[in-house]
PDB file of N, CA and C in Angstrom:
ATOM      1  N   UNK A   1     139.390 151.782  43.560  1.00  0.00           N
ATOM      2  CA  UNK A   1     140.246 151.635  42.419  1.00  0.00           C
ATOM      3  C   UNK A   1     141.550 151.014  42.862  1.00  0.00           C
ATOM      4  N   UNK A   2     141.826 149.805  42.422  1.00  0.00           N
ATOM      5  CA  UNK A   2     143.033 149.109  42.841  1.00  0.00           C
ATOM      6  C   UNK A   2     143.958 148.807  41.674  1.00  0.00           C
ATOM      7  N   UNK A   3     143.732 149.432  40.557  1.00  0.00           N
ATOM      8  CA  UNK A   3     144.529 149.187  39.362  1.00  0.00           C
ATOM      9  C   UNK A   3     145.906 149.807  39.504  1.00  0.00           C
ATOM     10  N   UNK A   4     146.926 149.040  39.140  1.00  0.00           N
ATOM     11  CA  UNK A   4     148.273 149.603  39.057  1.00  0.00           C
ATOM     12  C   UNK A   4     148.516 149.972  37.604  1.00  0.00           C
ATOM     13  N   UNK A   5     148.920 151.182  37.370  1.00  0.00           N
ATOM     14  CA  UNK A   5     149.186 151.662  36.021  1.00  0.00           C
ATOM     15  C   UNK A   5     150.636 151.320  35.699  1.00  0.00           C
ATOM     16  N   UNK A   6     150.848 150.680  34.566  1.00  0.00           N
ATOM     17  CA  UNK A   6     152.189 150.199  34.227  1.00  0.00           C
ATOM     18  C   UNK A   6     153.088 151.331  33.735  1.00  0.00           C
ATOM     19  N   UNK A   7     154.402 151.093  33.878  1.00  0.00           N
ATOM     20  CA  UNK A   7     155.394 152.031  33.369  1.00  0.00           C
ATOM     21  C   UNK A   7     155.194 152.219  31.870  1.00  0.00           C
ATOM     22  N   UNK A   8     155.695 153.330  31.341  1.00  0.00           N
ATOM     23  CA  UNK A   8     155.607 153.554  29.907  1.00  0.00           C
ATOM     24  C   UNK A   8     156.856 154.278  29.421  1.00  0.00           C
ATOM     25  N   UNK A   9     157.024 154.277  28.099  1.00  0.00           N
ATOM     26  CA  UNK A   9     158.185 154.913  27.480  1.00  0.00           C
ATOM     27  C   UNK A   9     157.898 156.363  27.125  1.00  0.00           C
ATOM     28  N   UNK A  10     158.940 157.189  27.216  1.00  0.00           N
ATOM     29  CA  UNK A  10     158.824 158.576  26.766  1.00  0.00           C
ATOM     30  C   UNK A  10     158.398 158.594  25.303  1.00  0.00           C
ATOM     31  N   UNK A  11     157.710 159.630  24.893  1.00  0.00           N
ATOM     32  CA  UNK A  11     157.297 159.819  23.494  1.00  0.00           C
ATOM     33  C   UNK A  11     156.532 158.617  22.935  1.00  0.00           C
ATOM     34  N   UNK A  12     155.676 157.999  23.739  1.00  0.00           N
ATOM     35  CA  UNK A  12     154.926 156.829  23.271  1.00  0.00           C
ATOM     36  C   UNK A  12     153.439 157.004  23.598  1.00  0.00           C
ATOM     37  N   UNK A  13     152.639 156.114  23.057  1.00  0.00           N
ATOM     38  CA  UNK A  13     151.199 156.130  23.324  1.00  0.00           C
ATOM     39  C   UNK A  13     150.871 155.160  24.448  1.00  0.00           C
ATOM     40  N   UNK A  14     149.861 155.487  25.223  1.00  0.00           N
ATOM     41  CA  UNK A  14     149.413 154.616  26.310  1.00  0.00           C
ATOM     42  C   UNK A  14     147.934 154.894  26.539  1.00  0.00           C
ATOM     43  N   UNK A  15     147.177 153.829  26.733  1.00  0.00           N
ATOM     44  CA  UNK A  15     145.747 153.974  26.995  1.00  0.00           C
ATOM     45  C   UNK A  15     145.389 153.084  28.184  1.00  0.00           C
ATOM     46  N   UNK A  16     144.620 153.632  29.112  1.00  0.00           N
ATOM     47  CA  UNK A  16     144.153 152.847  30.249  1.00  0.00           C
ATOM     48  C   UNK A  16     142.845 153.416  30.759  1.00  0.00           C
ATOM     49  N   UNK A  17     142.123 152.589  31.494  1.00  0.00           N
ATOM     50  CA  UNK A  17     140.814 152.962  32.032  1.00  0.00           C
ATOM     51  C   UNK A  17     140.821 152.799  33.542  1.00  0.00           C
ATOM     52  N   UNK A  18     140.194 153.740  34.219  1.00  0.00           N
ATOM     53  CA  UNK A  18     140.018 153.676  35.662  1.00  0.00           C
ATOM     54  C   UNK A  18     138.523 153.675  35.943  1.00  0.00           C
ATOM     55  N   UNK A  19     138.087 152.747  36.783  1.00  0.00           N
ATOM     56  CA  UNK A  19     136.682 152.683  37.179  1.00  0.00           C
ATOM     57  C   UNK A  19     136.553 153.242  38.593  1.00  0.00           C
ATOM     58  N   UNK A  20     135.606 154.148  38.784  1.00  0.00           N
ATOM     59  CA  UNK A  20     135.443 154.837  40.063  1.00  0.00           C
ATOM     60  C   UNK A  20     134.255 154.276  40.829  1.00  0.00           C
ATOM     61  N   UNK A  21     134.555 153.885  42.055  1.00  0.00           N
ATOM     62  CA  UNK A  21     133.550 153.389  42.995  1.00  0.00           C
ATOM     63  C   UNK A  21     133.487 154.347  44.180  1.00  0.00           C
ATOM     64  N   UNK A  22     132.324 154.500  44.750  1.00  0.00           N
ATOM     65  CA  UNK A  22     132.158 155.251  45.994  1.00  0.00           C
ATOM     66  C   UNK A  22     131.255 154.402  46.880  1.00  0.00           C
ATOM     67  N   UNK A  23     131.763 154.018  48.042  1.00  0.00           N
ATOM     68  CA  UNK A  23     131.059 153.083  48.933  1.00  0.00           C
ATOM     69  C   UNK A  23     130.691 151.796  48.197  1.00  0.00           C
ATOM     70  N   UNK A  24     131.649 151.282  47.418  1.00  0.00           N
ATOM     71  CA  UNK A  24     131.500 150.033  46.654  1.00  0.00           C
ATOM     72  C   UNK A  24     130.427 150.090  45.568  1.00  0.00           C
ATOM     73  N   UNK A  25     130.020 151.275  45.170  1.00  0.00           N
ATOM     74  CA  UNK A  25     129.017 151.439  44.117  1.00  0.00           C
ATOM     75  C   UNK A  25     129.665 152.207  42.963  1.00  0.00           C
ATOM     76  N   UNK A  26     129.546 151.668  41.747  1.00  0.00           N
ATOM     77  CA  UNK A  26     130.067 152.370  40.571  1.00  0.00           C
ATOM     78  C   UNK A  26     129.326 153.696  40.423  1.00  0.00           C
ATOM     79  N   UNK A  27     130.093 154.750  40.152  1.00  0.00           N
ATOM     80  CA  UNK A  27     129.527 156.093  40.063  1.00  0.00           C
ATOM     81  C   UNK A  27     129.326 156.538  38.613  1.00  0.00           C
ATOM     82  N   UNK A  28     128.282 157.310  38.370  1.00  0.00           N
ATOM     83  CA  UNK A  28     128.086 157.975  37.085  1.00  0.00           C
ATOM     84  C   UNK A  28     128.936 159.244  37.131  1.00  0.00           C
ATOM     85  N   UNK A  29     129.999 159.271  36.347  1.00  0.00           N
ATOM     86  CA  UNK A  29     130.948 160.392  36.407  1.00  0.00           C
ATOM     87  C   UNK A  29     130.885 161.281  35.161  1.00  0.00           C
ATOM     88  N   UNK A  30     129.817 161.183  34.389  1.00  0.00           N
ATOM     89  CA  UNK A  30     129.718 161.953  33.139  1.00  0.00           C
ATOM     90  C   UNK A  30     129.808 163.456  33.344  1.00  0.00           C
ATOM     91  N   UNK A  31     129.419 163.972  34.505  1.00  0.00           N
ATOM     92  CA  UNK A  31     129.477 165.419  34.762  1.00  0.00           C
ATOM     93  C   UNK A  31     130.661 165.807  35.636  1.00  0.00           C
ATOM     94  N   UNK A  32     131.579 164.863  35.836  1.00  0.00           N
ATOM     95  CA  UNK A  32     132.723 165.076  36.717  1.00  0.00           C
ATOM     96  C   UNK A  32     134.007 165.238  35.903  1.00  0.00           C
ATOM     97  N   UNK A  33     135.105 165.495  36.592  1.00  0.00           N
ATOM     98  CA  UNK A  33     136.423 165.588  35.969  1.00  0.00           C
ATOM     99  C   UNK A  33     137.357 164.611  36.673  1.00  0.00           C
ATOM    100  N   UNK A  34     138.058 163.808  35.888  1.00  0.00           N
ATOM    101  CA  UNK A  34     139.048 162.881  36.423  1.00  0.00           C
ATOM    102  C   UNK A  34     140.372 163.215  35.745  1.00  0.00           C
ATOM    103  N   UNK A  35     141.373 163.547  36.547  1.00  0.00           N
ATOM    104  CA  UNK A  35     142.648 164.029  36.031  1.00  0.00           C
ATOM    105  C   UNK A  35     143.800 163.175  36.537  1.00  0.00           C
ATOM    106  N   UNK A  36     144.709 162.824  35.636  1.00  0.00           N
ATOM    107  CA  UNK A  36     145.942 162.133  36.010  1.00  0.00           C
ATOM    108  C   UNK A  36     147.070 163.153  35.979  1.00  0.00           C
ATOM    109  N   UNK A  37     147.875 163.159  37.033  1.00  0.00           N
ATOM    110  CA  UNK A  37     148.980 164.105  37.150  1.00  0.00           C
ATOM    111  C   UNK A  37     150.257 163.317  37.428  1.00  0.00           C
ATOM    112  N   UNK A  38     151.340 163.681  36.752  1.00  0.00           N
ATOM    113  CA  UNK A  38     152.661 163.118  37.025  1.00  0.00           C
ATOM    114  C   UNK A  38     153.598 164.237  37.428  1.00  0.00           C
ATOM    115  N   UNK A  39     154.358 163.987  38.505  1.00  0.00           N
ATOM    116  CA  UNK A  39     155.418 164.900  38.932  1.00  0.00           C
ATOM    117  C   UNK A  39     156.663 164.064  39.212  1.00  0.00           C
ATOM    118  N   UNK A  40     157.809 164.601  38.814  1.00  0.00           N
ATOM    119  CA  UNK A  40     159.057 163.899  39.119  1.00  0.00           C
ATOM    120  C   UNK A  40     159.154 163.690  40.615  1.00  0.00           C
ATOM    121  N   UNK A  41     159.687 162.551  40.995  1.00  0.00           N
ATOM    122  CA  UNK A  41     159.756 162.174  42.411  1.00  0.00           C
ATOM    123  C   UNK A  41     160.526 163.202  43.230  1.00  0.00           C
ATOM    124  N   UNK A  42     161.479 163.868  42.624  1.00  0.00           N
ATOM    125  CA  UNK A  42     162.303 164.842  43.343  1.00  0.00           C
ATOM    126  C   UNK A  42     161.681 166.233  43.380  1.00  0.00           C
ATOM    127  N   UNK A  43     160.527 166.412  42.753  1.00  0.00           N
ATOM    128  CA  UNK A  43     159.869 167.711  42.660  1.00  0.00           C
ATOM    129  C   UNK A  43     159.102 168.016  43.947  1.00  0.00           C
ATOM    130  N   UNK A  44     159.042 169.276  44.312  1.00  0.00           N
ATOM    131  CA  UNK A  44     158.253 169.691  45.464  1.00  0.00           C
ATOM    132  C   UNK A  44     156.764 169.641  45.114  1.00  0.00           C
ATOM    133  N   UNK A  45     155.940 169.394  46.096  1.00  0.00           N
ATOM    134  CA  UNK A  45     154.496 169.248  45.877  1.00  0.00           C
ATOM    135  C   UNK A  45     153.875 170.480  45.222  1.00  0.00           C
ATOM    136  N   UNK A  46     154.424 171.651  45.484  1.00  0.00           N
ATOM    137  CA  UNK A  46     153.839 172.884  44.945  1.00  0.00           C
ATOM    138  C   UNK A  46     154.250 173.153  43.496  1.00  0.00           C
ATOM    139  N   UNK A  47     155.214 172.399  42.964  1.00  0.00           N
ATOM    140  CA  UNK A  47     155.686 172.633  41.595  1.00  0.00           C
ATOM    141  C   UNK A  47     154.640 172.198  40.570  1.00  0.00           C
ATOM    142  N   UNK A  48     154.744 172.754  39.387  1.00  0.00           N
ATOM    143  CA  UNK A  48     153.852 172.422  38.280  1.00  0.00           C
ATOM    144  C   UNK A  48     154.064 170.970  37.861  1.00  0.00           C
ATOM    145  N   UNK A  49     153.003 170.229  37.582  1.00  0.00           N
ATOM    146  CA  UNK A  49     153.151 168.840  37.137  1.00  0.00           C
ATOM    147  C   UNK A  49     153.899 168.754  35.809  1.00  0.00           C
ATOM    148  N   UNK A  50     154.604 167.644  35.614  1.00  0.00           N
ATOM    149  CA  UNK A  50     155.277 167.394  34.345  1.00  0.00           C
ATOM    150  C   UNK A  50     154.281 166.927  33.287  1.00  0.00           C
ATOM    151  N   UNK A  51     153.185 166.341  33.738  1.00  0.00           N
ATOM    152  CA  UNK A  51     152.153 165.857  32.827  1.00  0.00           C
ATOM    153  C   UNK A  51     150.816 165.940  33.562  1.00  0.00           C
ATOM    154  N   UNK A  52     149.805 166.444  32.889  1.00  0.00           N
ATOM    155  CA  UNK A  52     148.454 166.507  33.450  1.00  0.00           C
ATOM    156  C   UNK A  52     147.469 166.266  32.314  1.00  0.00           C
ATOM    157  N   UNK A  53     146.619 165.238  32.474  1.00  0.00           N
ATOM    158  CA  UNK A  53     145.686 164.849  31.421  1.00  0.00           C
ATOM    159  C   UNK A  53     144.328 164.545  32.038  1.00  0.00           C
ATOM    160  N   UNK A  54     143.273 165.075  31.427  1.00  0.00           N
ATOM    161  CA  UNK A  54     141.910 164.736  31.838  1.00  0.00           C
ATOM    162  C   UNK A  54     141.475 163.468  31.127  1.00  0.00           C
ATOM    163  N   UNK A  55     140.810 162.598  31.866  1.00  0.00           N
ATOM    164  CA  UNK A  55     140.267 161.387  31.270  1.00  0.00           C
ATOM    165  C   UNK A  55     138.965 161.688  30.544  1.00  0.00           C
ATOM    166  N   UNK A  56     138.641 160.849  29.580  1.00  0.00           N
ATOM    167  CA  UNK A  56     137.369 160.934  28.855  1.00  0.00           C
ATOM    168  C   UNK A  56     136.305 160.306  29.745  1.00  0.00           C
ATOM    169  N   UNK A  57     135.377 161.130  30.233  1.00  0.00           N
ATOM    170  CA  UNK A  57     134.300 160.631  31.102  1.00  0.00           C
ATOM    171  C   UNK A  57     132.961 160.582  30.369  1.00  0.00           C
ATOM    172  N   UNK A  58     132.936 161.012  29.124  1.00  0.00           N
ATOM    173  CA  UNK A  58     131.666 160.998  28.384  1.00  0.00           C
ATOM    174  C   UNK A  58     131.396 159.645  27.726  1.00  0.00           C
ATOM    175  N   UNK A  59     132.419 158.952  27.260  1.00  0.00           N
ATOM    176  CA  UNK A  59     132.234 157.691  26.541  1.00  0.00           C
ATOM    177  C   UNK A  59     131.651 156.592  27.430  1.00  0.00           C
ATOM    178  N   UNK A  60     132.222 156.387  28.618  1.00  0.00           N
ATOM    179  CA  UNK A  60     131.781 155.301  29.504  1.00  0.00           C
ATOM    180  C   UNK A  60     131.582 155.790  30.936  1.00  0.00           C
ATOM    181  N   UNK A  61     131.414 157.102  31.093  1.00  0.00           N
ATOM    182  CA  UNK A  61     131.255 157.679  32.432  1.00  0.00           C
ATOM    183  C   UNK A  61     130.041 157.180  33.179  1.00  0.00           C
ATOM    184  N   UNK A  62     128.982 156.799  32.472  1.00  0.00           N
ATOM    185  CA  UNK A  62     127.789 156.263  33.125  1.00  0.00           C
ATOM    186  C   UNK A  62     128.124 154.978  33.888  1.00  0.00           C
ATOM    187  N   UNK A  63     129.188 154.281  33.446  1.00  0.00           N
ATOM    188  CA  UNK A  63     129.656 153.059  34.104  1.00  0.00           C
ATOM    189  C   UNK A  63     130.849 153.331  35.014  1.00  0.00           C
ATOM    190  N   UNK A  64     131.076 154.596  35.334  1.00  0.00           N
ATOM    191  CA  UNK A  64     132.145 154.971  36.247  1.00  0.00           C
ATOM    192  C   UNK A  64     133.533 154.923  35.655  1.00  0.00           C
ATOM    193  N   UNK A  65     133.646 154.849  34.336  1.00  0.00           N
ATOM    194  CA  UNK A  65     134.951 154.696  33.712  1.00  0.00           C
ATOM    195  C   UNK A  65     135.480 156.000  33.131  1.00  0.00           C
ATOM    196  N   UNK A  66     136.721 156.307  33.515  1.00  0.00           N
ATOM    197  CA  UNK A  66     137.463 157.410  32.917  1.00  0.00           C
ATOM    198  C   UNK A  66     138.530 156.784  32.030  1.00  0.00           C
ATOM    199  N   UNK A  67     138.542 157.159  30.765  1.00  0.00           N
ATOM    200  CA  UNK A  67     139.477 156.587  29.805  1.00  0.00           C
ATOM    201  C   UNK A  67     140.577 157.605  29.531  1.00  0.00           C
ATOM    202  N   UNK A  68     141.811 157.176  29.761  1.00  0.00           N
ATOM    203  CA  UNK A  68     142.962 158.040  29.535  1.00  0.00           C
ATOM    204  C   UNK A  68     143.690 157.585  28.281  1.00  0.00           C
ATOM    205  N   UNK A  69     143.890 158.508  27.358  1.00  0.00           N
ATOM    206  CA  UNK A  69     144.621 158.230  26.128  1.00  0.00           C
ATOM    207  C   UNK A  69     145.793 159.195  26.060  1.00  0.00           C
ATOM    208  N   UNK A  70     146.984 158.658  26.240  1.00  0.00           N
ATOM    209  CA  UNK A  70     148.192 159.476  26.189  1.00  0.00           C
ATOM    210  C   UNK A  70     148.826 159.307  24.814  1.00  0.00           C
ATOM    211  N   UNK A  71     149.238 160.404  24.216  1.00  0.00           N
ATOM    212  CA  UNK A  71     149.864 160.384  22.898  1.00  0.00           C
ATOM    213  C   UNK A  71     151.315 160.869  23.038  1.00  0.00           C
ATOM    214  N   UNK A  72     152.159 160.591  22.042  1.00  0.00           N
ATOM    215  CA  UNK A  72     153.572 160.947  22.161  1.00  0.00           C
ATOM    216  C   UNK A  72     153.849 162.404  22.536  1.00  0.00           C
ATOM    217  N   UNK A  73     153.072 163.333  22.039  1.00  0.00           N
ATOM    218  CA  UNK A  73     153.335 164.738  22.388  1.00  0.00           C
ATOM    219  C   UNK A  73     153.069 165.018  23.867  1.00  0.00           C
ATOM    220  N   UNK A  74     152.226 164.212  24.505  1.00  0.00           N
ATOM    221  CA  UNK A  74     151.936 164.358  25.931  1.00  0.00           C
ATOM    222  C   UNK A  74     152.982 163.644  26.773  1.00  0.00           C
ATOM    223  N   UNK A  75     153.452 162.489  26.296  1.00  0.00           N
ATOM    224  CA  UNK A  75     154.423 161.698  27.068  1.00  0.00           C
ATOM    225  C   UNK A  75     155.860 162.099  26.757  1.00  0.00           C
ATOM    226  N   UNK A  76     156.029 163.237  26.136  1.00  0.00           N
ATOM    227  CA  UNK A  76     157.357 163.758  25.834  1.00  0.00           C
ATOM    228  C   UNK A  76     157.931 164.427  27.092  1.00  0.00           C
ATOM    229  N   UNK A  77     158.226 163.587  28.078  1.00  0.00           N
ATOM    230  CA  UNK A  77     158.786 164.071  29.345  1.00  0.00           C
ATOM    231  C   UNK A  77     160.062 163.285  29.634  1.00  0.00           C
ATOM    232  N   UNK A  78     160.871 163.822  30.518  1.00  0.00           N
ATOM    233  CA  UNK A  78     162.166 163.223  30.833  1.00  0.00           C
ATOM    234  C   UNK A  78     161.980 161.849  31.479  1.00  0.00           C
ATOM    235  N   UNK A  79     162.704 160.833  30.999  1.00  0.00           N
ATOM    236  CA  UNK A  79     162.664 159.531  31.673  1.00  0.00           C
ATOM    237  C   UNK A  79     163.149 159.677  33.117  1.00  0.00           C
ATOM    238  N   UNK A  80     162.358 159.156  34.039  1.00  0.00           N
ATOM    239  CA  UNK A  80     162.683 159.293  35.458  1.00  0.00           C
ATOM    240  C   UNK A  80     161.611 158.573  36.263  1.00  0.00           C
ATOM    241  N   UNK A  81     161.747 158.623  37.567  1.00  0.00           N
ATOM    242  CA  UNK A  81     160.744 158.100  38.490  1.00  0.00           C
ATOM    243  C   UNK A  81     159.771 159.226  38.819  1.00  0.00           C
ATOM    244  N   UNK A  82     158.469 158.945  38.682  1.00  0.00           N
ATOM    245  CA  UNK A  82     157.435 159.955  38.886  1.00  0.00           C
ATOM    246  C   UNK A  82     156.420 159.510  39.926  1.00  0.00           C
ATOM    247  N   UNK A  83     155.811 160.492  40.562  1.00  0.00           N
ATOM    248  CA  UNK A  83     154.632 160.258  41.383  1.00  0.00           C
ATOM    249  C   UNK A  83     153.423 160.449  40.479  1.00  0.00           C
ATOM    250  N   UNK A  84     152.541 159.471  40.464  1.00  0.00           N
ATOM    251  CA  UNK A  84     151.323 159.543  39.663  1.00  0.00           C
ATOM    252  C   UNK A  84     150.144 159.660  40.622  1.00  0.00           C
ATOM    253  N   UNK A  85     149.254 160.565  40.319  1.00  0.00           N
ATOM    254  CA  UNK A  85     148.068 160.749  41.148  1.00  0.00           C
ATOM    255  C   UNK A  85     146.868 160.934  40.225  1.00  0.00           C
ATOM    256  N   UNK A  86     145.761 160.275  40.565  1.00  0.00           N
ATOM    257  CA  UNK A  86     144.514 160.452  39.823  1.00  0.00           C
ATOM    258  C   UNK A  86     143.519 161.118  40.765  1.00  0.00           C
ATOM    259  N   UNK A  87     142.975 162.246  40.306  1.00  0.00           N
ATOM    260  CA  UNK A  87     142.043 163.040  41.107  1.00  0.00           C
ATOM    261  C   UNK A  87     140.664 163.032  40.463  1.00  0.00           C
ATOM    262  N   UNK A  88     139.650 162.904  41.305  1.00  0.00           N
ATOM    263  CA  UNK A  88     138.255 162.918  40.861  1.00  0.00           C
ATOM    264  C   UNK A  88     137.583 164.136  41.475  1.00  0.00           C
ATOM    265  N   UNK A  89     137.104 165.051  40.629  1.00  0.00           N
ATOM    266  CA  UNK A  89     136.367 166.224  41.100  1.00  0.00           C
ATOM    267  C   UNK A  89     134.934 166.062  40.608  1.00  0.00           C
ATOM    268  N   UNK A  90     134.031 165.947  41.557  1.00  0.00           N
ATOM    269  CA  UNK A  90     132.622 165.746  41.231  1.00  0.00           C
ATOM    270  C   UNK A  90     131.972 167.066  40.814  1.00  0.00           C
ATOM    271  N   UNK A  91     130.802 166.965  40.219  1.00  0.00           N
ATOM    272  CA  UNK A  91     130.080 168.149  39.753  1.00  0.00           C
ATOM    273  C   UNK A  91     129.800 169.130  40.889  1.00  0.00           C
ATOM    274  N   UNK A  92     129.708 168.628  42.135  1.00  0.00           N
ATOM    275  CA  UNK A  92     129.459 169.514  43.283  1.00  0.00           C
ATOM    276  C   UNK A  92     130.758 170.097  43.853  1.00  0.00           C
ATOM    277  N   UNK A  93     131.879 169.911  43.132  1.00  0.00           N
ATOM    278  CA  UNK A  93     133.216 170.403  43.496  1.00  0.00           C
ATOM    279  C   UNK A  93     133.875 169.663  44.649  1.00  0.00           C
ATOM    280  N   UNK A  94     133.299 168.559  45.117  1.00  0.00           N
ATOM    281  CA  UNK A  94     134.026 167.745  46.096  1.00  0.00           C
ATOM    282  C   UNK A  94     135.155 167.040  45.345  1.00  0.00           C
ATOM    283  N   UNK A  95     136.294 166.911  46.010  1.00  0.00           N
ATOM    284  CA  UNK A  95     137.499 166.415  45.344  1.00  0.00           C
ATOM    285  C   UNK A  95     138.089 165.235  46.106  1.00  0.00           C
ATOM    286  N   UNK A  96     138.514 164.207  45.346  1.00  0.00           N
ATOM    287  CA  UNK A  96     139.068 162.991  45.947  1.00  0.00           C
ATOM    288  C   UNK A  96     140.325 162.558  45.204  1.00  0.00           C
ATOM    289  N   UNK A  97     141.344 162.153  45.944  1.00  0.00           N
ATOM    290  CA  UNK A  97     142.480 161.465  45.349  1.00  0.00           C
ATOM    291  C   UNK A  97     142.075 159.996  45.330  1.00  0.00           C
ATOM    292  N   UNK A  98     141.923 159.427  44.122  1.00  0.00           N
ATOM    293  CA  UNK A  98     141.424 158.056  44.033  1.00  0.00           C
ATOM    294  C   UNK A  98     142.519 157.038  43.724  1.00  0.00           C
ATOM    295  N   UNK A  99     143.701 157.528  43.369  1.00  0.00           N
ATOM    296  CA  UNK A  99     144.807 156.607  43.106  1.00  0.00           C
ATOM    297  C   UNK A  99     146.115 157.357  43.208  1.00  0.00           C
ATOM    298  N   UNK A 100     147.116 156.665  43.772  1.00  0.00           N
ATOM    299  CA  UNK A 100     148.447 157.250  43.862  1.00  0.00           C
ATOM    300  C   UNK A 100     149.461 156.123  43.812  1.00  0.00           C
ATOM    301  N   UNK A 101     150.516 156.331  43.036  1.00  0.00           N
ATOM    302  CA  UNK A 101     151.568 155.322  42.932  1.00  0.00           C
ATOM    303  C   UNK A 101     152.820 155.955  42.358  1.00  0.00           C
ATOM    304  N   UNK A 102     153.904 155.214  42.406  1.00  0.00           N
ATOM    305  CA  UNK A 102     155.134 155.596  41.722  1.00  0.00           C
ATOM    306  C   UNK A 102     155.123 154.906  40.362  1.00  0.00           C
ATOM    307  N   UNK A 103     155.660 155.591  39.353  1.00  0.00           N
ATOM    308  CA  UNK A 103     155.711 155.031  37.995  1.00  0.00           C
ATOM    309  C   UNK A 103     156.992 155.491  37.328  1.00  0.00           C
ATOM    310  N   UNK A 104     157.545 154.624  36.484  1.00  0.00           N
ATOM    311  CA  UNK A 104     158.732 154.970  35.722  1.00  0.00           C
ATOM    312  C   UNK A 104     158.368 155.376  34.298  1.00  0.00           C
ATOM    313  N   UNK A 105     158.933 156.474  33.863  1.00  0.00           N
ATOM    314  CA  UNK A 105     158.903 156.803  32.446  1.00  0.00           C
ATOM    315  C   UNK A 105     160.260 156.343  31.932  1.00  0.00           C
ATOM    316  N   UNK A 106     160.224 155.424  30.978  1.00  0.00           N
ATOM    317  CA  UNK A 106     161.437 154.740  30.532  1.00  0.00           C
ATOM    318  C   UNK A 106     162.055 155.399  29.306  1.00  0.00           C
ATOM    319  N   UNK A 107     163.350 155.214  29.182  1.00  0.00           N
ATOM    320  CA  UNK A 107     164.133 155.709  28.053  1.00  0.00           C
ATOM    321  C   UNK A 107     163.901 154.860  26.824  1.00  0.00           C
ATOM    322  N   UNK A 108     163.694 155.485  25.695  1.00  0.00           N
ATOM    323  CA  UNK A 108     163.623 154.743  24.420  1.00  0.00           C
ATOM    324  C   UNK A 108     165.048 154.534  23.911  1.00  0.00           C
ATOM    325  N   UNK A 109     165.245 153.475  23.186  1.00  0.00           N
ATOM    326  CA  UNK A 109     166.575 153.204  22.621  1.00  0.00           C
ATOM    327  C   UNK A 109     166.775 153.933  21.314  1.00  0.00           C
TER     328      UNK A 109
END
């Protein structure tokens, strides 16, 4: 997964898809869990995430796609610099960090 997730505004909607490969093969993730987590950059690793959302793996999971739909009530977090991490937990409970980046939650005017 080499997708960069773009910055977004507080209290706004955002939709994106992540495709999961393992050994260069698209995975059937319909029985798995894919979660996106945001934590403020200044937060300690053990602190509770500011945002945590499970992707929809039933719609296109057979093609390895997790679809994330963020709505304003979910993105109602403080504008700041965040660490974003996407975690894939397979049905057998093996767990992988499949994406990590810094992202800005921007101020609305």
